[in-house]
C-alpha atoms as a PDB file:
ATOM      1  CA  UNK A   1       4.226 -15.816  23.794  1.00  0.00           C
ATOM      2  CA  UNK A   2       0.913 -14.922  24.245  1.00  0.00           C
ATOM      3  CA  UNK A   3      -1.551 -16.519  22.566  1.00  0.00           C
ATOM      4  CA  UNK A   4      -5.081 -15.220  21.749  1.00  0.00           C
ATOM      5  CA  UNK A   5      -7.745 -18.073  23.018  1.00  0.00           C
ATOM      6  CA  UNK A   6      -9.900 -17.203  20.277  1.00  0.00           C
ATOM      7  CA  UNK A   7      -6.883 -18.672  17.792  1.00  0.00           C
ATOM      8  CA  UNK A   8      -8.801 -21.565  15.537  1.00  0.00           C
ATOM      9  CA  UNK A   9      -6.682 -23.545  13.395  1.00  0.00           C
ATOM     10  CA  UNK A  10      -8.529 -25.432  10.778  1.00  0.00           C
ATOM     11  CA  UNK A  11      -7.032 -28.110   8.798  1.00  0.00           C
ATOM     12  CA  UNK A  12      -7.682 -30.412   5.674  1.00  0.00           C
ATOM     13  CA  UNK A  13      -6.613 -27.883   3.184  1.00  0.00           C
ATOM     14  CA  UNK A  14      -6.535 -30.704   0.405  1.00  0.00           C
ATOM     15  CA  UNK A  15      -9.883 -31.393   1.590  1.00  0.00           C
ATOM     16  CA  UNK A  16     -10.461 -27.504   0.740  1.00  0.00           C
ATOM     17  CA  UNK A  17      -8.661 -27.570  -2.541  1.00  0.00           C
ATOM     18  CA  UNK A  18     -11.112 -30.623  -4.005  1.00  0.00           C
ATOM     19  CA  UNK A  19     -14.121 -29.140  -2.375  1.00  0.00           C
ATOM     20  CA  UNK A  20     -13.249 -25.452  -3.966  1.00  0.00           C
ATOM     21  CA  UNK A  21     -13.286 -27.056  -7.190  1.00  0.00           C
ATOM     22  CA  UNK A  22     -16.200 -28.805  -7.108  1.00  0.00           C
ATOM     23  CA  UNK A  23     -17.727 -25.396  -6.055  1.00  0.00           C
ATOM     24  CA  UNK A  24     -16.594 -23.608  -9.003  1.00  0.00           C
ATOM     25  CA  UNK A  25     -17.832 -26.057 -11.293  1.00  0.00           C
ATOM     26  CA  UNK A  26     -21.330 -26.641  -9.428  1.00  0.00           C
ATOM     27  CA  UNK A  27     -21.808 -22.412  -9.685  1.00  0.00           C
ATOM     28  CA  UNK A  28     -24.245 -21.538 -12.653  1.00  0.00           C
ATOM     29  CA  UNK A  29     -21.807 -18.632 -14.011  1.00  0.00           C
ATOM     30  CA  UNK A  30     -22.670 -15.848 -16.282  1.00  0.00           C
ATOM     31  CA  UNK A  31     -20.526 -13.245 -17.466  1.00  0.00           C
ATOM     32  CA  UNK A  32     -17.720 -12.166 -15.359  1.00  0.00           C
ATOM     33  CA  UNK A  33     -17.952 -15.128 -13.237  1.00  0.00           C
ATOM     34  CA  UNK A  34     -18.195 -17.290 -16.002  1.00  0.00           C
ATOM     35  CA  UNK A  35     -14.740 -15.158 -17.282  1.00  0.00           C
ATOM     36  CA  UNK A  36     -13.275 -15.690 -13.952  1.00  0.00           C
ATOM     37  CA  UNK A  37     -13.905 -19.255 -13.009  1.00  0.00           C
ATOM     38  CA  UNK A  38     -12.648 -20.754 -16.861  1.00  0.00           C
ATOM     39  CA  UNK A  39      -9.277 -18.930 -16.633  1.00  0.00           C
ATOM     40  CA  UNK A  40      -8.689 -20.283 -12.741  1.00  0.00           C
ATOM     41  CA  UNK A  41      -9.918 -23.865 -14.197  1.00  0.00           C
ATOM     42  CA  UNK A  42      -7.398 -23.226 -16.714  1.00  0.00           C
ATOM     43  CA  UNK A  43      -4.920 -22.379 -15.239  1.00  0.00           C
ATOM     44  CA  UNK A  44      -4.965 -23.962 -11.243  1.00  0.00           C
ATOM     45  CA  UNK A  45      -1.839 -26.536 -11.762  1.00  0.00           C
ATOM     46  CA  UNK A  46       0.030 -23.193 -13.368  1.00  0.00           C
ATOM     47  CA  UNK A  47       0.756 -21.482 -10.579  1.00  0.00           C
ATOM     48  CA  UNK A  48       4.202 -21.197  -9.104  1.00  0.00           C
ATOM     49  CA  UNK A  49       6.214 -17.550  -8.043  1.00  0.00           C
ATOM     50  CA  UNK A  50       5.408 -17.595  -4.585  1.00  0.00           C
ATOM     51  CA  UNK A  51       1.693 -17.549  -5.423  1.00  0.00           C
ATOM     52  CA  UNK A  52      -0.896 -18.793  -2.817  1.00  0.00           C
ATOM     53  CA  UNK A  53      -2.879 -22.952  -3.660  1.00  0.00           C
ATOM     54  CA  UNK A  54      -6.988 -22.454  -4.218  1.00  0.00           C
ATOM     55  CA  UNK A  55      -7.750 -22.731  -0.972  1.00  0.00           C
ATOM     56  CA  UNK A  56      -6.254 -20.146   0.249  1.00  0.00           C
ATOM     57  CA  UNK A  57      -7.477 -18.190  -3.141  1.00  0.00           C
ATOM     58  CA  UNK A  58     -11.030 -19.018  -2.009  1.00  0.00           C
ATOM     59  CA  UNK A  59     -10.548 -18.694   1.790  1.00  0.00           C
ATOM     60  CA  UNK A  60      -9.589 -14.856   0.420  1.00  0.00           C
ATOM     61  CA  UNK A  61     -12.565 -14.343  -1.776  1.00  0.00           C
ATOM     62  CA  UNK A  62     -15.242 -16.149   0.688  1.00  0.00           C
ATOM     63  CA  UNK A  63     -13.673 -13.224   3.276  1.00  0.00           C
ATOM     64  CA  UNK A  64     -13.949 -10.356   1.197  1.00  0.00           C
ATOM     65  CA  UNK A  65     -17.578 -11.285  -0.317  1.00  0.00           C
ATOM     66  CA  UNK A  66     -19.169 -12.267   3.530  1.00  0.00           C
ATOM     67  CA  UNK A  67     -18.126  -9.031   4.963  1.00  0.00           C
ATOM     68  CA  UNK A  68     -18.779  -6.915   1.830  1.00  0.00           C
ATOM     69  CA  UNK A  69     -14.869  -5.778   1.814  1.00  0.00           C
ATOM     70  CA  UNK A  70     -14.154  -2.994  -0.571  1.00  0.00           C
ATOM     71  CA  UNK A  71     -11.250  -1.051   0.315  1.00  0.00           C
ATOM     72  CA  UNK A  72      -8.764  -3.626   0.391  1.00  0.00           C
ATOM     73  CA  UNK A  73      -4.648  -3.968   0.142  1.00  0.00           C
ATOM     74  CA  UNK A  74      -2.320  -6.580  -1.265  1.00  0.00           C
ATOM     75  CA  UNK A  75       1.674  -6.598  -0.072  1.00  0.00           C
ATOM     76  CA  UNK A  76       3.196  -8.903  -2.365  1.00  0.00           C
ATOM     77  CA  UNK A  77       1.088  -9.943  -6.045  1.00  0.00           C
ATOM     78  CA  UNK A  78       3.370 -11.897  -7.113  1.00  0.00           C
ATOM     79  CA  UNK A  79       1.967 -12.692 -10.700  1.00  0.00           C
ATOM     80  CA  UNK A  80      -1.342 -12.597  -9.682  1.00  0.00           C
ATOM     81  CA  UNK A  81      -3.289 -15.007  -8.337  1.00  0.00           C
ATOM     82  CA  UNK A  82      -4.531 -14.547  -5.226  1.00  0.00           C
ATOM     83  CA  UNK A  83      -5.479 -10.969  -6.152  1.00  0.00           C
ATOM     84  CA  UNK A  84      -7.366 -12.902  -9.190  1.00  0.00           C
ATOM     85  CA  UNK A  85      -9.199 -13.999  -6.262  1.00  0.00           C
ATOM     86  CA  UNK A  86      -9.437 -10.759  -4.624  1.00  0.00           C
ATOM     87  CA  UNK A  87     -10.498  -9.559  -7.466  1.00  0.00           C
ATOM     88  CA  UNK A  88     -13.685 -11.224  -8.357  1.00  0.00           C
ATOM     89  CA  UNK A  89     -14.642 -10.830  -4.939  1.00  0.00           C
ATOM     90  CA  UNK A  90     -14.632  -7.046  -4.402  1.00  0.00           C
ATOM     91  CA  UNK A  91     -16.141  -7.353  -8.398  1.00  0.00           C
ATOM     92  CA  UNK A  92     -19.351  -8.704  -6.266  1.00  0.00           C
ATOM     93  CA  UNK A  93     -18.865  -5.693  -3.259  1.00  0.00           C
ATOM     94  CA  UNK A  94     -18.113  -2.968  -5.647  1.00  0.00           C
ATOM     95  CA  UNK A  95     -14.647  -1.897  -4.273  1.00  0.00           C
ATOM     96  CA  UNK A  96     -11.218  -2.071  -4.990  1.00  0.00           C
ATOM     97  CA  UNK A  97      -8.256  -3.421  -4.794  1.00  0.00           C
ATOM     98  CA  UNK A  98      -4.436  -2.324  -4.654  1.00  0.00           C
ATOM     99  CA  UNK A  99      -1.744  -5.020  -4.522  1.00  0.00           C
ATOM    100  CA  UNK A 100       2.162  -4.030  -4.516  1.00  0.00           C
ATOM    101  CA  UNK A 101       5.408  -6.434  -5.834  1.00  0.00           C
ATOM    102  CA  UNK A 102       9.216  -5.336  -6.382  1.00  0.00           C
ATOM    103  CA  UNK A 103      10.055  -7.112  -8.833  1.00  0.00           C
ATOM    104  CA  UNK A 104       8.889  -5.908 -12.502  1.00  0.00           C
ATOM    105  CA  UNK A 105       8.755  -9.638 -13.953  1.00  0.00           C
ATOM    106  CA  UNK A 106       5.765 -10.629 -11.479  1.00  0.00           C
ATOM    107  CA  UNK A 107       4.528  -7.169 -11.988  1.00  0.00           C
ATOM    108  CA  UNK A 108       4.363  -7.534 -15.144  1.00  0.00           C
ATOM    109  CA  UNK A 109       2.743 -11.428 -15.675  1.00  0.00           C
ATOM    110  CA  UNK A 110       0.033 -10.463 -12.885  1.00  0.00           C
ATOM    111  CA  UNK A 111      -1.118  -7.231 -15.599  1.00  0.00           C
ATOM    112  CA  UNK A 112      -1.339  -9.752 -18.318  1.00  0.00           C
ATOM    113  CA  UNK A 113      -3.674 -12.157 -15.668  1.00  0.00           C
ATOM    114  CA  UNK A 114      -5.446 -10.019 -14.253  1.00  0.00           C
ATOM    115  CA  UNK A 115      -6.632  -9.027 -17.956  1.00  0.00           C
ATOM    116  CA  UNK A 116      -7.080 -12.442 -18.835  1.00  0.00           C
ATOM    117  CA  UNK A 117      -9.414 -13.612 -15.548  1.00  0.00           C
ATOM    118  CA  UNK A 118     -11.540 -10.365 -16.231  1.00  0.00           C
ATOM    119  CA  UNK A 119     -10.418  -8.798 -13.201  1.00  0.00           C
ATOM    120  CA  UNK A 120      -8.112  -6.071 -14.328  1.00  0.00           C
ATOM    121  CA  UNK A 121     -10.983  -3.152 -13.667  1.00  0.00           C
ATOM    122  CA  UNK A 122     -10.880  -3.865  -9.819  1.00  0.00           C
ATOM    123  CA  UNK A 123      -7.010  -3.768  -9.770  1.00  0.00           C
ATOM    124  CA  UNK A 124      -4.772  -1.195  -8.973  1.00  0.00           C
ATOM    125  CA  UNK A 125      -1.734  -2.999  -9.469  1.00  0.00           C
ATOM    126  CA  UNK A 126       2.010  -1.232  -8.222  1.00  0.00           C
ATOM    127  CA  UNK A 127       5.071  -1.866  -9.117  1.00  0.00           C
ATOM    128  CA  UNK A 128       7.080  -0.411  -5.865  1.00  0.00           C
ATOM    129  CA  UNK A 129       8.631  -1.297  -2.943  1.00  0.00           C
ATOM    130  CA  UNK A 130       6.234  -1.581  -0.448  1.00  0.00           C
ATOM    131  CA  UNK A 131       8.403  -1.547   2.596  1.00  0.00           C
ATOM    132  CA  UNK A 132       8.344   2.658   1.225  1.00  0.00           C
ATOM    133  CA  UNK A 133       4.849   2.613  -0.182  1.00  0.00           C
ATOM    134  CA  UNK A 134       3.007   0.806   2.671  1.00  0.00           C
ATOM    135  CA  UNK A 135       3.415   3.021   5.235  1.00  0.00           C
ATOM    136  CA  UNK A 136       2.491   6.051   2.794  1.00  0.00           C
ATOM    137  CA  UNK A 137      -1.208   4.652   1.464  1.00  0.00           C
ATOM    138  CA  UNK A 138      -4.042   6.368   3.181  1.00  0.00           C
ATOM    139  CA  UNK A 139      -6.958   4.326   5.110  1.00  0.00           C
ATOM    140  CA  UNK A 140      -9.134   3.291   5.771  1.00  0.00           C
ATOM    141  CA  UNK A 141      -8.707  -0.288   5.066  1.00  0.00           C
ATOM    142  CA  UNK A 142     -11.784  -3.330   5.133  1.00  0.00           C
ATOM    143  CA  UNK A 143      -8.921  -5.802   4.104  1.00  0.00           C
ATOM    144  CA  UNK A 144      -5.109  -6.309   3.903  1.00  0.00           C
ATOM    145  CA  UNK A 145      -3.320  -9.820   2.827  1.00  0.00           C
ATOM    146  CA  UNK A 146       0.809  -9.876   3.281  1.00  0.00           C
ATOM    147  CA  UNK A 147       1.990 -12.773   1.268  1.00  0.00           C
ATOM    148  CA  UNK A 148       5.609 -10.640   0.382  1.00  0.00           C
ATOM    149  CA  UNK A 149       9.255 -10.971   2.594  1.00  0.00           C
ATOM    150  CA  UNK A 150       8.448 -12.926   5.699  1.00  0.00           C
ATOM    151  CA  UNK A 151      10.799 -10.588   8.153  1.00  0.00           C
ATOM    152  CA  UNK A 152       9.010  -7.165   6.993  1.00  0.00           C
ATOM    153  CA  UNK A 153       5.658  -9.016   8.468  1.00  0.00           C
ATOM    154  CA  UNK A 154       5.653  -6.907  11.603  1.00  0.00           C
ATOM    155  CA  UNK A 155       6.790  -4.027   9.923  1.00  0.00           C
ATOM    156  CA  UNK A 156       4.165  -3.784   7.208  1.00  0.00           C
ATOM    157  CA  UNK A 157       1.545  -4.817  10.003  1.00  0.00           C
ATOM    158  CA  UNK A 158       2.139  -2.077  12.423  1.00  0.00           C
ATOM    159  CA  UNK A 159       1.935   0.574   9.334  1.00  0.00           C
ATOM    160  CA  UNK A 160      -1.270  -0.893   8.419  1.00  0.00           C
ATOM    161  CA  UNK A 161      -3.530  -2.020  11.651  1.00  0.00           C
ATOM    162  CA  UNK A 162      -3.802   1.876  12.473  1.00  0.00           C
ATOM    163  CA  UNK A 163      -6.067   1.926   9.826  1.00  0.00           C
ATOM    164  CA  UNK A 164      -7.606  -1.182   9.400  1.00  0.00           C
ATOM    165  CA  UNK A 165     -11.610  -0.391  10.268  1.00  0.00           C
ATOM    166  CA  UNK A 166     -13.429  -1.702  12.605  1.00  0.00           C
ATOM    167  CA  UNK A 167     -15.057  -4.688  11.493  1.00  0.00           C
ATOM    168  CA  UNK A 168     -11.876  -5.581   8.990  1.00  0.00           C
ATOM    169  CA  UNK A 169      -9.844  -8.227   8.685  1.00  0.00           C
ATOM    170  CA  UNK A 170      -5.804  -8.157   8.659  1.00  0.00           C
ATOM    171  CA  UNK A 171      -5.008 -11.734   6.731  1.00  0.00           C
ATOM    172  CA  UNK A 172      -1.331 -12.946   6.134  1.00  0.00           C
ATOM    173  CA  UNK A 173       0.477 -16.306   3.940  1.00  0.00           C
ATOM    174  CA  UNK A 174       2.790 -18.583   6.085  1.00  0.00           C
ATOM    175  CA  UNK A 175       1.993 -17.657   9.150  1.00  0.00           C
ATOM    176  CA  UNK A 176       1.383 -20.973  11.949  1.00  0.00           C
ATOM    177  CA  UNK A 177       1.185 -20.626  15.950  1.00  0.00           C
ATOM    178  CA  UNK A 178       3.320 -23.669  15.419  1.00  0.00           C
ATOM    179  CA  UNK A 179       5.467 -23.489  13.041  1.00  0.00           C
ATOM    180  CA  UNK A 180       5.891 -19.540  12.473  1.00  0.00           C
ATOM    181  CA  UNK A 181       9.273 -18.220  13.883  1.00  0.00           C
ATOM    182  CA  UNK A 182      11.080 -20.808  11.767  1.00  0.00           C
ATOM    183  CA  UNK A 183       8.761 -18.941   8.767  1.00  0.00           C
ATOM    184  CA  UNK A 184      10.327 -15.627   9.788  1.00  0.00           C
ATOM    185  CA  UNK A 185       6.811 -14.638  11.581  1.00  0.00           C
ATOM    186  CA  UNK A 186       7.088 -15.338  15.378  1.00  0.00           C
ATOM    187  CA  UNK A 187       7.714 -12.581  15.898  1.00  0.00           C
ATOM    188  CA  UNK A 188       4.291 -10.887  13.417  1.00  0.00           C
ATOM    189  CA  UNK A 189       2.297 -14.205  14.623  1.00  0.00           C
ATOM    190  CA  UNK A 190       2.941 -12.444  18.228  1.00  0.00           C
ATOM    191  CA  UNK A 191       2.516  -9.554  17.731  1.00  0.00           C
ATOM    192  CA  UNK A 192      -0.827  -9.200  16.298  1.00  0.00           C
ATOM    193  CA  UNK A 193      -1.882 -12.254  18.884  1.00  0.00           C
ATOM    194  CA  UNK A 194      -1.647  -9.712  21.187  1.00  0.00           C
ATOM    195  CA  UNK A 195      -3.397  -7.106  20.714  1.00  0.00           C
ATOM    196  CA  UNK A 196      -7.007  -7.051  22.237  1.00  0.00           C
ATOM    197  CA  UNK A 197      -8.909  -5.062  19.242  1.00  0.00           C
ATOM    198  CA  UNK A 198      -8.255  -7.821  17.032  1.00  0.00           C
ATOM    199  CA  UNK A 199      -9.364 -11.702  16.865  1.00  0.00           C
ATOM    200  CA  UNK A 200      -7.121 -14.228  15.335  1.00  0.00           C
ATOM    201  CA  UNK A 201      -7.565 -17.901  13.417  1.00  0.00           C
ATOM    202  CA  UNK A 202      -6.863 -19.568  10.763  1.00  0.00           C
ATOM    203  CA  UNK A 203      -8.962 -20.161   7.462  1.00  0.00           C
ATOM    204  CA  UNK A 204      -7.144 -23.141   5.286  1.00  0.00           C
ATOM    205  CA  UNK A 205      -3.570 -21.788   4.913  1.00  0.00           C
ATOM    206  CA  UNK A 206      -4.852 -18.082   6.162  1.00  0.00           C
ATOM    207  CA  UNK A 207      -4.071 -15.810   9.014  1.00  0.00           C
ATOM    208  CA  UNK A 208      -6.558 -14.066   9.627  1.00  0.00           C
ATOM    209  CA  UNK A 209      -6.788 -11.193  12.521  1.00  0.00           C
ATOM    210  CA  UNK A 210     -10.420  -9.236  12.381  1.00  0.00           C
ATOM    211  CA  UNK A 211     -10.596  -6.045  14.094  1.00  0.00           C
ATOM    212  CA  UNK A 212     -13.470  -6.168  16.786  1.00  0.00           C
ATOM    213  CA  UNK A 213     -13.153  -2.292  18.109  1.00  0.00           C
ATOM    214  CA  UNK A 214     -10.627   0.548  18.197  1.00  0.00           C
END
């Protein structure tokens, strides 16, 4: 199996959750930041339906802010936990997120959560089949997060990587160099890690592959 030599696995997700919660409380909130922080803290133990854990949401937020990403795509909204973190980050960079989910119930719940968290104006939430919609969306993308049907990860990657800017990052949930094949993401990991123009790493529980050249 091709292995990207730049791969760095960062464990200690439990520590990251504790640190993330502390930093939420430690920040001096104002306006939107205060609203988002209050929502996340109030709901931190209630996320279900395949949402990412808090440490992974913070990792996505920090990546978007650090790199000043503006044009973002999320494949797999669920009920909106990751989208809130990404949307919050985009509120700081002047960007916007397109997020897609095929399930009407999850989509409706996510819309409510986006409004209550205060980030709805930074998110274009679409009820659609990502298999059909993702290849049709125009690029370029600064940031893509995949957290949907695991056996389709490689297809999503093939649809979005040609539209990923240099400096942009493709991210995905539930991917591991060791456990990927058992999670039906082994082919995806091998495909992405073998591409010479992508530099791969892990942040908390999120696989990150950033484009270094065309």
